[in-house]
Amino acid sequence: MSTLDRLTHLIHDKFGVDIASIEADAPFASYNLDSLTVAELMFEIDDAFHVTVPDEAATTVTTLRQLATLIDGLPEKV
């Protein structure tokens, strides 16, 4: 499963967003994810992907595709 697919399922599972409505290039706000929820998402990603997402990602990354690209470039925690 790709990072983008995993993120789609994570957003569905944790925040109840309908999978069919999730689009890779739509802003997080279109799923009613506010800044606090996006910060919570970053912590979920840390655990699910075994990476450390930089704090600034919560304000600079605005779509799932951007987030997937970021995650794919991060080293996995040992």
PDB file of N, CA and C in Angstrom:
ATOM      1  N   MET A   1       0.862  -1.184   0.000  1.00  0.00           N
ATOM      2  CA  MET A   1       0.000   0.000   0.000  1.00  0.00           C
ATOM      3  C   MET A   1       0.901   1.238   0.000  1.00  0.00           C
ATOM      4  N   SER A   2       0.560   2.189  -0.840  1.00  0.00           N
ATOM      5  CA  SER A   2       1.364   3.410  -0.940  1.00  0.00           C
ATOM      6  C   SER A   2       1.151   4.289   0.296  1.00  0.00           C
ATOM      7  N   THR A   3       2.064   5.226   0.473  1.00  0.00           N
ATOM      8  CA  THR A   3       1.948   6.183   1.572  1.00  0.00           C
ATOM      9  C   THR A   3       0.646   6.965   1.453  1.00  0.00           C
ATOM     10  N   LEU A   4       0.301   7.359   0.248  1.00  0.00           N
ATOM     11  CA  LEU A   4      -0.940   8.109   0.027  1.00  0.00           C
ATOM     12  C   LEU A   4      -2.159   7.282   0.427  1.00  0.00           C
ATOM     13  N   ASP A   5      -2.165   6.008   0.070  1.00  0.00           N
ATOM     14  CA  ASP A   5      -3.268   5.126   0.463  1.00  0.00           C
ATOM     15  C   ASP A   5      -3.333   4.968   1.982  1.00  0.00           C
ATOM     16  N   ARG A   6      -2.178   4.794   2.598  1.00  0.00           N
ATOM     17  CA  ARG A   6      -2.146   4.650   4.055  1.00  0.00           C
ATOM     18  C   ARG A   6      -2.668   5.913   4.743  1.00  0.00           C
ATOM     19  N   LEU A   7      -2.293   7.076   4.219  1.00  0.00           N
ATOM     20  CA  LEU A   7      -2.780   8.340   4.786  1.00  0.00           C
ATOM     21  C   LEU A   7      -4.285   8.475   4.629  1.00  0.00           C
ATOM     22  N   THR A   8      -4.789   8.080   3.483  1.00  0.00           N
ATOM     23  CA  THR A   8      -6.233   8.124   3.239  1.00  0.00           C
ATOM     24  C   THR A   8      -6.967   7.293   4.280  1.00  0.00           C
ATOM     25  N   HIS A   9      -6.486   6.100   4.533  1.00  0.00           N
ATOM     26  CA  HIS A   9      -7.125   5.224   5.519  1.00  0.00           C
ATOM     27  C   HIS A   9      -6.962   5.767   6.932  1.00  0.00           C
ATOM     28  N   LEU A  10      -5.818   6.367   7.218  1.00  0.00           N
ATOM     29  CA  LEU A  10      -5.590   6.948   8.540  1.00  0.00           C
ATOM     30  C   LEU A  10      -6.578   8.080   8.805  1.00  0.00           C
ATOM     31  N   ILE A  11      -6.770   8.953   7.827  1.00  0.00           N
ATOM     32  CA  ILE A  11      -7.721  10.061   7.996  1.00  0.00           C
ATOM     33  C   ILE A  11      -9.142   9.534   8.142  1.00  0.00           C
ATOM     34  N   HIS A  12      -9.465   8.520   7.399  1.00  0.00           N
ATOM     35  CA  HIS A  12     -10.787   7.899   7.531  1.00  0.00           C
ATOM     36  C   HIS A  12     -10.968   7.299   8.927  1.00  0.00           C
ATOM     37  N   ASP A  13     -10.000   6.508   9.360  1.00  0.00           N
ATOM     38  CA  ASP A  13     -10.106   5.803  10.640  1.00  0.00           C
ATOM     39  C   ASP A  13     -10.105   6.742  11.840  1.00  0.00           C
ATOM     40  N   LYS A  14      -9.235   7.738  11.835  1.00  0.00           N
ATOM     41  CA  LYS A  14      -9.067   8.619  13.001  1.00  0.00           C
ATOM     42  C   LYS A  14     -10.045   9.785  13.052  1.00  0.00           C
ATOM     43  N   PHE A  15     -10.477  10.248  11.872  1.00  0.00           N
ATOM     44  CA  PHE A  15     -11.293  11.459  11.856  1.00  0.00           C
ATOM     45  C   PHE A  15     -12.645  11.273  11.179  1.00  0.00           C
ATOM     46  N   GLY A  16     -12.948  10.053  10.747  1.00  0.00           N
ATOM     47  CA  GLY A  16     -14.256   9.751  10.198  1.00  0.00           C
ATOM     48  C   GLY A  16     -14.560  10.356   8.844  1.00  0.00           C
ATOM     49  N   VAL A  17     -13.529  10.716   8.091  1.00  0.00           N
ATOM     50  CA  VAL A  17     -13.741  11.286   6.763  1.00  0.00           C
ATOM     51  C   VAL A  17     -14.033  10.145   5.792  1.00  0.00           C
ATOM     52  N   ASP A  18     -15.079  10.306   4.981  1.00  0.00           N
ATOM     53  CA  ASP A  18     -15.459   9.294   4.001  1.00  0.00           C
ATOM     54  C   ASP A  18     -14.331   9.098   2.987  1.00  0.00           C
ATOM     55  N   ILE A  19     -13.873   7.864   2.830  1.00  0.00           N
ATOM     56  CA  ILE A  19     -12.762   7.563   1.929  1.00  0.00           C
ATOM     57  C   ILE A  19     -13.048   8.050   0.512  1.00  0.00           C
ATOM     58  N   ALA A  20     -14.264   7.878   0.049  1.00  0.00           N
ATOM     59  CA  ALA A  20     -14.623   8.270  -1.322  1.00  0.00           C
ATOM     60  C   ALA A  20     -14.477   9.779  -1.546  1.00  0.00           C
ATOM     61  N   SER A  21     -14.518  10.553  -0.474  1.00  0.00           N
ATOM     62  CA  SER A  21     -14.430  12.007  -0.626  1.00  0.00           C
ATOM     63  C   SER A  21     -12.999  12.533  -0.519  1.00  0.00           C
ATOM     64  N   ILE A  22     -12.055  11.677  -0.182  1.00  0.00           N
ATOM     65  CA  ILE A  22     -10.674  12.118   0.022  1.00  0.00           C
ATOM     66  C   ILE A  22      -9.941  12.193  -1.321  1.00  0.00           C
ATOM     67  N   GLU A  23      -9.412  13.367  -1.604  1.00  0.00           N
ATOM     68  CA  GLU A  23      -8.647  13.603  -2.829  1.00  0.00           C
ATOM     69  C   GLU A  23      -7.244  14.059  -2.441  1.00  0.00           C
ATOM     70  N   ALA A  24      -6.252  13.539  -3.130  1.00  0.00           N
ATOM     71  CA  ALA A  24      -4.847  13.773  -2.789  1.00  0.00           C
ATOM     72  C   ALA A  24      -4.450  15.246  -2.795  1.00  0.00           C
ATOM     73  N   ASP A  25      -5.066  16.038  -3.660  1.00  0.00           N
ATOM     74  CA  ASP A  25      -4.647  17.433  -3.799  1.00  0.00           C
ATOM     75  C   ASP A  25      -5.618  18.436  -3.168  1.00  0.00           C
ATOM     76  N   ALA A  26      -6.609  17.934  -2.463  1.00  0.00           N
ATOM     77  CA  ALA A  26      -7.550  18.825  -1.775  1.00  0.00           C
ATOM     78  C   ALA A  26      -6.931  19.297  -0.455  1.00  0.00           C
ATOM     79  N   PRO A  27      -7.176  20.536  -0.068  1.00  0.00           N
ATOM     80  CA  PRO A  27      -6.636  21.015   1.210  1.00  0.00           C
ATOM     81  C   PRO A  27      -7.299  20.307   2.392  1.00  0.00           C
ATOM     82  N   PHE A  28      -6.548  20.176   3.479  1.00  0.00           N
ATOM     83  CA  PHE A  28      -7.079  19.530   4.677  1.00  0.00           C
ATOM     84  C   PHE A  28      -8.380  20.174   5.143  1.00  0.00           C
ATOM     85  N   ALA A  29      -8.503  21.467   4.946  1.00  0.00           N
ATOM     86  CA  ALA A  29      -9.712  22.180   5.374  1.00  0.00           C
ATOM     87  C   ALA A  29     -10.960  21.638   4.692  1.00  0.00           C
ATOM     88  N   SER A  30     -10.816  21.070   3.497  1.00  0.00           N
ATOM     89  CA  SER A  30     -11.986  20.530   2.807  1.00  0.00           C
ATOM     90  C   SER A  30     -12.540  19.285   3.509  1.00  0.00           C
ATOM     91  N   TYR A  31     -11.769  18.727   4.432  1.00  0.00           N
ATOM     92  CA  TYR A  31     -12.239  17.579   5.235  1.00  0.00           C
ATOM     93  C   TYR A  31     -12.588  18.008   6.650  1.00  0.00           C
ATOM     94  N   ASN A  32     -12.721  19.334   6.845  1.00  0.00           N
ATOM     95  CA  ASN A  32     -13.018  19.912   8.155  1.00  0.00           C
ATOM     96  C   ASN A  32     -11.924  19.606   9.175  1.00  0.00           C
ATOM     97  N   LEU A  33     -10.674  19.520   8.704  1.00  0.00           N
ATOM     98  CA  LEU A  33      -9.539  19.345   9.613  1.00  0.00           C
ATOM     99  C   LEU A  33      -8.942  20.722   9.877  1.00  0.00           C
ATOM    100  N   ASP A  34      -9.111  21.216  11.109  1.00  0.00           N
ATOM    101  CA  ASP A  34      -8.547  22.516  11.461  1.00  0.00           C
ATOM    102  C   ASP A  34      -7.091  22.334  11.886  1.00  0.00           C
ATOM    103  N   SER A  35      -6.438  23.413  12.277  1.00  0.00           N
ATOM    104  CA  SER A  35      -5.014  23.354  12.602  1.00  0.00           C
ATOM    105  C   SER A  35      -4.725  22.422  13.776  1.00  0.00           C
ATOM    106  N   LEU A  36      -5.610  22.372  14.747  1.00  0.00           N
ATOM    107  CA  LEU A  36      -5.421  21.477  15.889  1.00  0.00           C
ATOM    108  C   LEU A  36      -5.533  20.015  15.450  1.00  0.00           C
ATOM    109  N   THR A  37      -6.490  19.727  14.595  1.00  0.00           N
ATOM    110  CA  THR A  37      -6.673  18.369  14.089  1.00  0.00           C
ATOM    111  C   THR A  37      -5.501  17.954  13.206  1.00  0.00           C
ATOM    112  N   VAL A  38      -4.978  18.878  12.405  1.00  0.00           N
ATOM    113  CA  VAL A  38      -3.819  18.576  11.564  1.00  0.00           C
ATOM    114  C   VAL A  38      -2.608  18.277  12.449  1.00  0.00           C
ATOM    115  N   ALA A  39      -2.439  19.016  13.531  1.00  0.00           N
ATOM    116  CA  ALA A  39      -1.345  18.734  14.469  1.00  0.00           C
ATOM    117  C   ALA A  39      -1.517  17.332  15.061  1.00  0.00           C
ATOM    118  N   GLU A  40      -2.740  16.975  15.418  1.00  0.00           N
ATOM    119  CA  GLU A  40      -3.019  15.627  15.927  1.00  0.00           C
ATOM    120  C   GLU A  40      -2.699  14.574  14.859  1.00  0.00           C
ATOM    121  N   LEU A  41      -3.027  14.879  13.609  1.00  0.00           N
ATOM    122  CA  LEU A  41      -2.714  13.977  12.505  1.00  0.00           C
ATOM    123  C   LEU A  41      -1.210  13.739  12.415  1.00  0.00           C
ATOM    124  N   MET A  42      -0.419  14.778  12.598  1.00  0.00           N
ATOM    125  CA  MET A  42       1.038  14.633  12.518  1.00  0.00           C
ATOM    126  C   MET A  42       1.554  13.669  13.593  1.00  0.00           C
ATOM    127  N   PHE A  43       0.982  13.718  14.786  1.00  0.00           N
ATOM    128  CA  PHE A  43       1.371  12.779  15.842  1.00  0.00           C
ATOM    129  C   PHE A  43       0.959  11.353  15.478  1.00  0.00           C
ATOM    130  N   GLU A  44      -0.209  11.206  14.891  1.00  0.00           N
ATOM    131  CA  GLU A  44      -0.664   9.887  14.442  1.00  0.00           C
ATOM    132  C   GLU A  44       0.285   9.323  13.384  1.00  0.00           C
ATOM    133  N   ILE A  45       0.741  10.198  12.495  1.00  0.00           N
ATOM    134  CA  ILE A  45       1.667   9.784  11.446  1.00  0.00           C
ATOM    135  C   ILE A  45       2.993   9.337  12.038  1.00  0.00           C
ATOM    136  N   ASP A  46       3.477  10.075  13.048  1.00  0.00           N
ATOM    137  CA  ASP A  46       4.718   9.667  13.722  1.00  0.00           C
ATOM    138  C   ASP A  46       4.633   8.211  14.153  1.00  0.00           C
ATOM    139  N   ASP A  47       3.511   7.846  14.767  1.00  0.00           N
ATOM    140  CA  ASP A  47       3.334   6.482  15.268  1.00  0.00           C
ATOM    141  C   ASP A  47       3.102   5.481  14.144  1.00  0.00           C
ATOM    142  N   ALA A  48       2.250   5.810  13.205  1.00  0.00           N
ATOM    143  CA  ALA A  48       1.866   4.864  12.157  1.00  0.00           C
ATOM    144  C   ALA A  48       2.991   4.583  11.163  1.00  0.00           C
ATOM    145  N   PHE A  49       3.812   5.599  10.880  1.00  0.00           N
ATOM    146  CA  PHE A  49       4.853   5.462   9.865  1.00  0.00           C
ATOM    147  C   PHE A  49       6.255   5.325  10.468  1.00  0.00           C
ATOM    148  N   HIS A  50       6.350   5.443  11.789  1.00  0.00           N
ATOM    149  CA  HIS A  50       7.645   5.334  12.487  1.00  0.00           C
ATOM    150  C   HIS A  50       8.642   6.378  11.977  1.00  0.00           C
ATOM    151  N   VAL A  51       8.159   7.612  11.868  1.00  0.00           N
ATOM    152  CA  VAL A  51       8.981   8.742  11.452  1.00  0.00           C
ATOM    153  C   VAL A  51       8.736   9.890  12.427  1.00  0.00           C
ATOM    154  N   THR A  52       9.563  10.917  12.336  1.00  0.00           N
ATOM    155  CA  THR A  52       9.330  12.139  13.096  1.00  0.00           C
ATOM    156  C   THR A  52       9.013  13.246  12.106  1.00  0.00           C
ATOM    157  N   VAL A  53       7.765  13.665  12.095  1.00  0.00           N
ATOM    158  CA  VAL A  53       7.332  14.735  11.193  1.00  0.00           C
ATOM    159  C   VAL A  53       7.764  16.066  11.807  1.00  0.00           C
ATOM    160  N   PRO A  54       8.471  16.900  11.048  1.00  0.00           N
ATOM    161  CA  PRO A  54       8.886  18.207  11.578  1.00  0.00           C
ATOM    162  C   PRO A  54       7.677  19.036  12.015  1.00  0.00           C
ATOM    163  N   ASP A  55       7.832  19.775  13.101  1.00  0.00           N
ATOM    164  CA  ASP A  55       6.731  20.588  13.636  1.00  0.00           C
ATOM    165  C   ASP A  55       6.148  21.545  12.596  1.00  0.00           C
ATOM    166  N   GLU A  56       7.001  22.125  11.771  1.00  0.00           N
ATOM    167  CA  GLU A  56       6.512  23.110  10.801  1.00  0.00           C
ATOM    168  C   GLU A  56       5.625  22.496   9.726  1.00  0.00           C
ATOM    169  N   ALA A  57       5.644  21.182   9.602  1.00  0.00           N
ATOM    170  CA  ALA A  57       4.798  20.526   8.596  1.00  0.00           C
ATOM    171  C   ALA A  57       3.312  20.773   8.865  1.00  0.00           C
ATOM    172  N   ALA A  58       2.948  20.947  10.121  1.00  0.00           N
ATOM    173  CA  ALA A  58       1.548  21.184  10.472  1.00  0.00           C
ATOM    174  C   ALA A  58       1.026  22.485   9.868  1.00  0.00           C
ATOM    175  N   THR A  59       1.930  23.409   9.536  1.00  0.00           N
ATOM    176  CA  THR A  59       1.486  24.674   8.955  1.00  0.00           C
ATOM    177  C   THR A  59       1.905  24.845   7.495  1.00  0.00           C
ATOM    178  N   THR A  60       2.871  24.055   7.018  1.00  0.00           N
ATOM    179  CA  THR A  60       3.348  24.233   5.646  1.00  0.00           C
ATOM    180  C   THR A  60       2.796  23.197   4.675  1.00  0.00           C
ATOM    181  N   VAL A  61       2.403  22.049   5.171  1.00  0.00           N
ATOM    182  CA  VAL A  61       1.857  20.988   4.320  1.00  0.00           C
ATOM    183  C   VAL A  61       0.334  21.112   4.357  1.00  0.00           C
ATOM    184  N   THR A  62      -0.285  21.209   3.177  1.00  0.00           N
ATOM    185  CA  THR A  62      -1.726  21.479   3.157  1.00  0.00           C
ATOM    186  C   THR A  62      -2.555  20.413   2.446  1.00  0.00           C
ATOM    187  N   THR A  63      -1.884  19.423   1.809  1.00  0.00           N
ATOM    188  CA  THR A  63      -2.623  18.370   1.107  1.00  0.00           C
ATOM    189  C   THR A  63      -2.040  17.003   1.440  1.00  0.00           C
ATOM    190  N   LEU A  64      -2.799  15.969   1.168  1.00  0.00           N
ATOM    191  CA  LEU A  64      -2.310  14.608   1.400  1.00  0.00           C
ATOM    192  C   LEU A  64      -1.124  14.278   0.508  1.00  0.00           C
ATOM    193  N   ARG A  65      -1.149  14.725  -0.728  1.00  0.00           N
ATOM    194  CA  ARG A  65      -0.031  14.436  -1.627  1.00  0.00           C
ATOM    195  C   ARG A  65       1.264  15.061  -1.096  1.00  0.00           C
ATOM    196  N   GLN A  66       1.180  16.307  -0.629  1.00  0.00           N
ATOM    197  CA  GLN A  66       2.356  16.958  -0.045  1.00  0.00           C
ATOM    198  C   GLN A  66       2.834  16.184   1.180  1.00  0.00           C
ATOM    199  N   LEU A  67       1.895  15.748   1.986  1.00  0.00           N
ATOM    200  CA  LEU A  67       2.229  15.007   3.194  1.00  0.00           C
ATOM    201  C   LEU A  67       2.871  13.666   2.861  1.00  0.00           C
ATOM    202  N   ALA A  68       2.351  12.968   1.881  1.00  0.00           N
ATOM    203  CA  ALA A  68       2.918  11.684   1.463  1.00  0.00           C
ATOM    204  C   ALA A  68       4.346  11.868   0.960  1.00  0.00           C
ATOM    205  N   THR A  69       4.580  12.917   0.180  1.00  0.00           N
ATOM    206  CA  THR A  69       5.921  13.201  -0.325  1.00  0.00           C
ATOM    207  C   THR A  69       6.878  13.480   0.829  1.00  0.00           C
ATOM    208  N   LEU A  70       6.424  14.255   1.806  1.00  0.00           N
ATOM    209  CA  LEU A  70       7.234  14.551   2.983  1.00  0.00           C
ATOM    210  C   LEU A  70       7.588  13.267   3.727  1.00  0.00           C
ATOM    211  N   ILE A  71       6.592  12.446   3.999  1.00  0.00           N
ATOM    212  CA  ILE A  71       6.804  11.202   4.748  1.00  0.00           C
ATOM    213  C   ILE A  71       7.781  10.283   4.013  1.00  0.00           C
ATOM    214  N   ASP A  72       7.615  10.172   2.706  1.00  0.00           N
ATOM    215  CA  ASP A  72       8.495   9.302   1.930  1.00  0.00           C
ATOM    216  C   ASP A  72       9.950   9.744   1.994  1.00  0.00           C
ATOM    217  N   GLY A  73      10.185  11.027   2.278  1.00  0.00           N
ATOM    218  CA  GLY A  73      11.541  11.545   2.364  1.00  0.00           C
ATOM    219  C   GLY A  73      12.143  11.527   3.750  1.00  0.00           C
ATOM    220  N   LEU A  74      11.363  11.134   4.755  1.00  0.00           N
ATOM    221  CA  LEU A  74      11.849  11.118   6.130  1.00  0.00           C
ATOM    222  C   LEU A  74      12.500   9.774   6.469  1.00  0.00           C
ATOM    223  N   PRO A  75      13.549   9.825   7.276  1.00  0.00           N
ATOM    224  CA  PRO A  75      14.147   8.556   7.714  1.00  0.00           C
ATOM    225  C   PRO A  75      13.243   7.871   8.742  1.00  0.00           C
ATOM    226  N   GLU A  76      13.201   6.560   8.680  1.00  0.00           N
ATOM    227  CA  GLU A  76      12.403   5.794   9.631  1.00  0.00           C
ATOM    228  C   GLU A  76      13.123   5.751  10.966  1.00  0.00           C
ATOM    229  N   LYS A  77      12.343   5.872  12.064  1.00  0.00           N
ATOM    230  CA  LYS A  77      12.921   5.777  13.414  1.00  0.00           C
ATOM    231  C   LYS A  77      13.434   4.370  13.643  1.00  0.00           C
ATOM    232  N   VAL A  78      14.504   4.285  14.344  1.00  0.00           N
ATOM    233  CA  VAL A  78      15.069   2.976  14.666  1.00  0.00           C
ATOM    234  C   VAL A  78      14.618   2.527  16.027  1.00  0.00           C
TER     235      VAL A  78
END
